[in-house]
C-alpha cells in the first residue's frame, strides 16, 4: 500500500481491500501468503461492521438499520467466516489439486496465480467471492454513514 496514510486508508474496509488485493497478486508458489491475506481481508471486512456499530450505535435509528443487516448474504458470509477464522481454524475453503501428466515430471496446465487454487463457491476463485461480498458492506456502510453523520 504505497502512498500517504489517510483516514480513508486506515478504515477496516480499506484494509480488507488491501489484503484482498495482496491475495489476488500472489503467485502459485505464494499460497501460504495468499491464505493469510485472504483471512485478513475477511477479518477486516467484518471488523468494519463492528467499528461502525461502535461509532454510530447510539443513533436513534441505528437498531433498525442494524436489524436490516440480518439475512444480507455478504454480512452473513463475513460473520460466519470471520468467526470460524478467529475461533476455530483457517477458513473452510475448497482447494484444487493439480497432478503431473503421465510421463511428465510436472503438472500440466498448472495455474500461475494462487487464487486459481482456492474457492468458496465451485468454479469461482475465493478472491472473486470475497470481492463480490465486499460490495454490500461498502455500499451499506456508506449509505448509513450519510444517514447517521451529524
Protein backbone atom coordinates (compact mmCIF):
# COMPACT_ATOMS: atom_id res chain seq x y z
CA UNK A 1 0.00 0.00 0.00
CA UNK A 2 2.09 2.82 -1.29
CA UNK A 3 1.14 6.39 -0.65
CA UNK A 4 0.07 8.60 2.17
CA UNK A 5 -1.59 7.35 5.27
CA UNK A 6 -5.03 8.93 5.44
CA UNK A 7 -8.17 8.42 7.45
CA UNK A 8 -9.62 6.51 4.50
CA UNK A 9 -6.55 4.28 4.10
CA UNK A 10 -6.88 3.24 7.75
CA UNK A 11 -10.51 2.14 7.63
CA UNK A 12 -11.33 -1.52 8.06
CA UNK A 13 -12.84 -1.69 4.57
CA UNK A 14 -9.69 -0.17 3.05
CA UNK A 15 -7.63 -2.78 4.88
CA UNK A 16 -9.96 -5.54 3.70
CA UNK A 17 -9.47 -4.39 0.10
CA UNK A 18 -5.70 -4.05 0.61
CA UNK A 19 -5.35 -7.62 1.86
CA UNK A 20 -7.67 -8.92 -0.85
CA UNK A 21 -5.55 -7.18 -3.50
CA UNK A 22 -2.43 -8.70 -1.93
CA UNK A 23 -4.02 -12.16 -2.00
CA UNK A 24 -5.08 -11.69 -5.60
CA UNK A 25 -1.50 -10.79 -6.59
CA UNK A 26 0.05 -13.92 -5.04
CA UNK A 27 1.66 -16.41 -7.37
CA UNK A 28 1.06 -20.14 -7.18
CA UNK A 29 4.25 -20.52 -5.13
CA UNK A 30 2.95 -18.00 -2.57
CA UNK A 31 -0.10 -19.92 -1.39
CA UNK A 32 0.74 -19.53 2.31
CA UNK A 33 0.77 -15.75 1.83
CA UNK A 34 -2.43 -15.99 -0.21
CA UNK A 35 -4.25 -17.77 2.60
CA UNK A 36 -3.05 -15.27 5.22
CA UNK A 37 -4.04 -12.26 3.09
CA UNK A 38 -7.44 -13.77 2.32
CA UNK A 39 -8.09 -14.41 6.02
CA UNK A 40 -7.02 -10.86 6.89
CA UNK A 41 -9.39 -9.47 4.27
CA UNK A 42 -12.30 -11.40 5.77
CA UNK A 43 -11.45 -10.35 9.33
CA UNK A 44 -11.18 -6.67 8.38
CA UNK A 45 -14.43 -6.77 6.38
CA UNK A 46 -16.27 -7.98 9.48
CA UNK A 47 -14.40 -5.51 11.67
CA UNK A 48 -15.77 -2.68 9.52
CA UNK A 49 -19.30 -3.54 10.63
CA UNK A 50 -18.31 -3.72 14.30
CA UNK A 51 -16.41 -0.44 14.13
CA UNK A 52 -19.45 1.19 12.53
CA UNK A 53 -21.62 -0.09 15.39
CA UNK A 54 -19.24 1.36 17.94
CA UNK A 55 -19.25 4.73 16.17
CA UNK A 56 -22.99 5.07 15.46
CA UNK A 57 -24.67 2.56 17.79
CA UNK A 58 -26.26 5.29 19.90
CA UNK A 59 -28.04 6.91 16.98
CA UNK A 60 -31.84 6.60 17.44
CA UNK A 61 -32.26 4.85 14.06
CA UNK A 62 -29.28 2.54 14.46
CA UNK A 63 -31.11 -0.54 15.76
CA UNK A 64 -33.48 -0.55 12.80
CA UNK A 65 -30.55 -0.28 10.41
CA UNK A 66 -28.60 -2.96 12.30
CA UNK A 67 -31.57 -5.33 12.11
CA UNK A 68 -31.69 -4.76 8.35
CA UNK A 69 -28.30 -6.47 8.06
CA UNK A 70 -29.81 -9.81 9.06
CA UNK A 71 -30.10 -12.03 6.04
CA UNK A 72 -27.71 -9.98 3.90
CA UNK A 73 -25.65 -12.76 2.25
CA UNK A 74 -22.44 -10.70 2.37
CA UNK A 75 -22.81 -9.78 6.04
CA UNK A 76 -23.60 -13.39 6.89
CA UNK A 77 -20.61 -14.61 4.86
CA UNK A 78 -18.20 -12.31 6.72
CA UNK A 79 -19.76 -13.08 10.10
CA UNK A 80 -19.57 -16.83 9.60
CA UNK A 81 -16.11 -16.91 8.03
CA UNK A 82 -14.59 -14.39 10.47
CA UNK A 83 -16.00 -16.25 13.48
CA UNK A 84 -14.60 -19.52 12.15
CA UNK A 85 -11.16 -18.00 11.48
CA UNK A 86 -10.87 -16.35 14.89
CA UNK A 87 -12.40 -19.11 16.99
CA UNK A 88 -11.76 -22.40 15.24
CA UNK A 89 -9.35 -22.76 12.33
CA UNK A 90 -8.39 -21.49 8.89
CA UNK A 91 -11.40 -20.98 6.63
CA UNK A 92 -13.25 -23.92 5.16
CA UNK A 93 -12.10 -23.23 1.65
CA UNK A 94 -12.01 -25.58 -1.29
CA UNK A 95 -8.70 -26.28 -2.95
CA UNK A 96 -7.98 -27.60 -6.39
CA UNK A 97 -5.08 -30.04 -6.70
CA UNK A 98 -3.12 -30.43 -9.91
CA UNK A 99 -1.30 -33.65 -10.80
CA UNK A 100 1.50 -34.32 -13.24
CA UNK A 101 0.63 -35.83 -16.60
CA UNK A 102 1.66 -39.42 -17.26
CA UNK A 103 5.34 -39.43 -18.16
CA UNK A 104 5.82 -35.84 -17.01
CA UNK A 105 7.71 -34.54 -14.01
CA UNK A 106 5.45 -31.51 -13.62
CA UNK A 107 1.72 -30.95 -13.66
CA UNK A 108 0.25 -29.79 -16.93
CA UNK A 109 -1.82 -26.62 -17.05
CA UNK A 110 -0.80 -25.63 -13.53
CA UNK A 111 -2.07 -22.15 -12.71
CA UNK A 112 0.44 -19.40 -12.08
CA UNK A 113 -1.80 -17.48 -9.64
CA UNK A 114 -2.61 -18.72 -6.14
CA UNK A 115 -6.25 -17.54 -6.50
CA UNK A 116 -6.79 -20.32 -9.05
CA UNK A 117 -6.28 -22.99 -6.36
CA UNK A 118 -8.93 -21.80 -3.87
CA UNK A 119 -12.70 -21.38 -3.88
CA UNK A 120 -15.70 -20.90 -1.57
CA UNK A 121 -18.13 -21.47 -4.44
CA UNK A 122 -17.38 -24.15 -7.04
CA UNK A 123 -15.70 -22.62 -10.08
CA UNK A 124 -15.34 -19.14 -8.56
CA UNK A 125 -11.94 -18.06 -7.22
CA UNK A 126 -12.08 -17.29 -3.48
CA UNK A 127 -10.85 -13.75 -4.11
CA UNK A 128 -13.76 -13.14 -6.50
CA UNK A 129 -16.24 -14.35 -3.88
CA UNK A 130 -14.77 -12.08 -1.21
CA UNK A 131 -14.61 -9.13 -3.63
CA UNK A 132 -18.25 -9.64 -4.52
CA UNK A 133 -19.25 -9.79 -0.88
CA UNK A 134 -17.23 -6.64 -0.08
CA UNK A 135 -19.55 -4.60 -2.31
CA UNK A 136 -22.51 -4.91 0.06
CA UNK A 137 -20.92 -3.65 3.29
CA UNK A 138 -19.10 -0.96 1.35
CA UNK A 139 -22.31 0.50 -0.04
CA UNK A 140 -24.44 -0.19 3.04
CA UNK A 141 -21.96 1.43 5.42
CA UNK A 142 -21.52 4.45 3.13
CA UNK A 143 -25.30 4.94 2.92
CA UNK A 144 -25.73 4.54 6.68
CA UNK A 145 -22.84 6.89 7.43
CA UNK A 146 -24.52 9.61 5.38
CA UNK A 147 -27.71 8.96 7.32
CA UNK A 148 -26.16 8.84 10.81
CA UNK A 149 -23.44 11.50 10.49
CA UNK A 150 -24.27 14.86 12.04
